Amino acid sequence: MNSFLRNTAQDILKNHKTLQDLVIVLPNRRAGLFFKQHLGSLIDSPIWMPEIKTIEDVFYQLAAQRPADELSLIFELYKTYQNLNPVAESFDQFYFWGEMILKDFNDVDQFMANAEKLYLHLSEIKEIESDLSFLSPSQIELIKQFWNAFQRQDRRHQEKFLRFWQLLGPLYKNYQVALDVSELSYPGKIYRKVAMGLELQAVPEKKYIFVGFNAFTTTEEKLVKYFISEFGAEIYWDIDAYYLEDRHQEAGMFFREYQKDKIFGPTFPEIIPNHIEVRQANIKTYATPLKSNQANLVGAILEKVDPQENWEETVVILPDEQLLFPVLHVLPDRISKVNVTMGYPIRNAPVYAFLEAVLEMQRFVKMDGENVLFYHQQIKNLLSTIYLKTAAPEFATKLLQIVQDQNMIHIPLPMLQEGGGLYQLVFQKVEAANLFSYLADLIRALAEHLEEEPLQRTYLFQCFKQLIRFREVLEKQEIQRLDMEFMIRLFRQIFREVKLPFEGEPLQGLQLMGVLESRNLDFRRVIICNMNEDSFPPSGGLNSMIPFNIRRAFGLPVQEQNDAIYAYTFYRLLHSAEEVHMIYATASDQGKAGEKSRYIQQMQIEMGLDQKDEVVFVPIDLKATGEINIEKTPEVLAQLERYIVRNDGSSVTSFSPSAINMFIDCRLKFYLRYLAGLEEKEEVKEEVDAAVFGNIAHYSMEFLYQGCIERKKRQVLVHEDFDDLKKNWVYPAIEKGVRKFYKLEDDKDTRLNGQIAIVRDVLHRYIIRLLDIDQASAPIQILSMEKEHRASFEVKAAYGDFKVALKGFIDRVDLQQGSIRLIDYKSGADKKDFAQVEDLFDANLKKRNKAAMQTLFYGLLYQSMYPENTLPLKPALFNFKEVFKEDFNPYLQEKQARKTGVEVNDYKDYQENFEYHLSEKLSEIFNPSLLFDQTEDLDKCKNCPYKEICGR
């Protein structure tokens, strides 16, 4: 296999007998490591090795200085900015701009641009001609174009830009002075200092050889040229005729410029290598709809590799770091050694997600007097993490249930700290000044819990190391404002770029690396993932405060240069490749279209590849979800048996009116809820909806009347009793109703939130109105409140008769004016009229009256429990939304369209007809030949909790 580094090592050995007098300079340390390996394999006797450095090492050694960390540099930049701008924004608002400005300053220095001229407001042609005489006509034209276009912008935008633009020149100048005083520096400043003082450099003791460079910055180019012309340095170019001699090939853009240079030109080889065209690698492209499925495809390609081959000659290039772990998980078992040459972002690690959740929790801490309260959403997220679950599993489960049952919007601190050590450490109110020590203690505690999880501990170590560095830098700064929001935002800004470095033997096993890490390295088999436009090459656009035209005019890098660097990196991989696999995803991801990379398109045209992309897909059914029909198998019938009344009169469970109504609406929904047991997921409700309001109202009315009965020692309520109830007992009853609904103990505070206070007041008005209505019809004898009623109901069916168990909770049963009223409280506006009993069981009727069916069902239950009853059973609906109407009437009406209704005075008048139709429905439920199928009325599916299952 052809290898640039091996060939270069061989040539250096041939031309230089004493390697110890050489300094080999390469683009990165990875290339240096492989170069050293090749050099070692070519030497057959002991010899002193040459010094191997990166270009960075050379600059920092010549300057006798290394750059400060970015955070310290941005702090220093902010101080300078504050001195220039009296109304400067806060540091956390400045941070993003600070990063961008620092990057611009770095570019200005790396490419040795004249900052004073660059940041001028050059709107006048004369100024351009006089101040920029050192620029070429084409460069001056670019600047003219920008300022001419700028004049056409609206005044407000012009002024805003100019205020900031005119500040950047003085900011750059003052920042340089401030850095010199504090003895800090950024890379570009060091590079510029070295490049401007090259004439003062003494002749080096060793000979320099530059190997494998592609795109120099201006400072790098100046240094390398000086070393070649003045110190006899040599340079080896890693190039190929394929892209060098094609003027349209962006991969050779920099090399074509260097060929014309009077110093670089003579250093190019007389015969340009032509590896790509001669080798004609076997190239395959794959399209897969899912980004994650690329990992499976990599595994499948590697499975076909001959196990006798050297895995060191195979590389998997991952432009997207998120694919690293999926690829590692699918590697064939026979690959025993893997070298990962890329960092994995800490932000993708579960430990960082936990720390994020902890910080998010701190943002929503609430103080109620001396009590510390935490918002339920963050608490639920944290209690669901593996860290808190494993620390106290039973406590976490129990606490989540309590939060749900009591609908706790805010959870008090003592309740959370009952979980033990880790819980006490996590759940505390932290001030901004103590955030670092809080997080540091938390990371140490997590590390103790994860002793048998080396990867997780490594994540924690990186977080801890970054945290300590962050704290040290921050402690040196004098920041007046230090609030929690600022600290959390800064924490996220800093940690988003931290990567976990992998350790391994780089010279052995399958190679996994990022795009830029592959420079100068040669492989026989190349597998590239994410060959999508916007991924390889990365999406266009440089984050810069300097407009494009001005960047270009002053020789600062623009997207064109970036594209050229990535194009070269891509084509470089083809120098020695015999087998190339390129994979791209067709699905859009995070706003990026699933379009294959331009490099694939270019290569297919240039090389005349007529083969089509191989489409690799996960078999999925893209058709609309078909009908779901559940057959009554023996297992399903066994579930239905639970409703059958046994010989001893008992049953496992019973049909409620809600269950019957659900079956009439949608048979499949009935099956999923009552037979399959798929209940709706309960959530903490921050808003008091109709269901919550209705439940509290039910409990309040129960406590109100039950309490009166207990105090008066009688079940009959007379006219005078209601005055006492309205004056003294409504609020206490509501208080008890709230406690019962939220499952609060008697000594627990019911000040849940402001909405409950509003609900209490609204409910008080409704209950007072209900009491007025009851008072007008007094005396009333309360027979029961919220009592369960049961019945054993005989079903007559063609396939045999049987009995089923029925049940229902009747909100209130009372005796009034010779009739037993079966009262159901409703928080909605349920209608009370129905045309005929048959309509109550008609699934095709759009506005079927479910409430009427339910109250008649209660008549069946009551008469079944008290067969000796001869009094009329009068169903009634107390709709809260209608009680304030002057003509309010709670009783059911049998009413045909446009005709006067007939009030339902006695269930027994409708009993035979009602029970006949109920028997029919129950026989359908048990009929083995009838399926549990979906409703055809899609309007019923809009708010159905199971609509995702049905695909509706």
Foldseek 3Di string as FASTA:
>chain_A
DDFQLLVVLVVCVVVDVAQQQEEEEEQDVLSVVVSVVSNVVPDDDDHDHYHYYYLLVVLCVLLVHDADDPVLLLLLLVVLVCVLDVPDDASLVCVVVSVFLVVVLLLCLLQVFDLLLLLDLPLDPVCLCVVVVVFDPVLSVLVNVVSVVLVPDDPVVSVVLNVVSNVSSVSSVVSVVSCVVVVHDDSSVSLNVCLVCVVVDDADSHAYEYEFDQDGRNSSVSVVLCCCVPRVHAYYYLDACLQCVPPPRLLNVRVVVLCPDPRSVVRYDPDGHHQLVVLVAAEAEEEEADQLCVLVVLQVVQVPDDLVDFLLQEEEAELDLVNVVSNVVSHDPSQPFEDEAEFRALCPDPVVVLVLLLLVQLVAWDDDDPWIWTAPVSLLVNLPDPQNCVLAVVLSVVVVVLCQQLLFRIDTQVSQPVSDDLSVLSRDHDWQVCVLVSVLVNLVVSCVVPVVPVVVNLSSVQLNVQSVVVVVSVVVRDRDDGGSVSSSSVSCVSRRPRTRGDDHDSSHTNYYYYLVSCRSGEHQEYEYRAQFVCSQVNDADDSHSRDPSSCVSSVRDHRSNVNNNSSNSVVSHSSNYNYYYYYFHQHADPNRGRHGHVSVVVCCVSVVPPDDHHYDYDDDDPDFFDWDWFFCDVLQLVLVQQFFQDPVRDGNDHAELVLLVVCLQFLLLSCVVRPVPDDDDGDSDPACDQVNLQQLLLQLVQCLQVVLCVVVVFQWDALVSLVCSLPPPNLVSSVVSSCVSSVHDPPDDSPSDPNSVVSSVVSSVLVNLVSVVCSVQDGKGWPDAQDKFKAWAWFDDPVDIGTGIHIDGQHTWIATPQATEREDEGAADQDQEDQALLLCSNNPDPNRRSVNLNQLVVLVRVCRVVVVDPTFYWYFYHHSVCSPPPPDDGFHWNDDPPDDTDTRGHSVVCVVVNSNSVSVSVNLSSPSVHIRTTDPPCVVVPPDPCCVVSSD
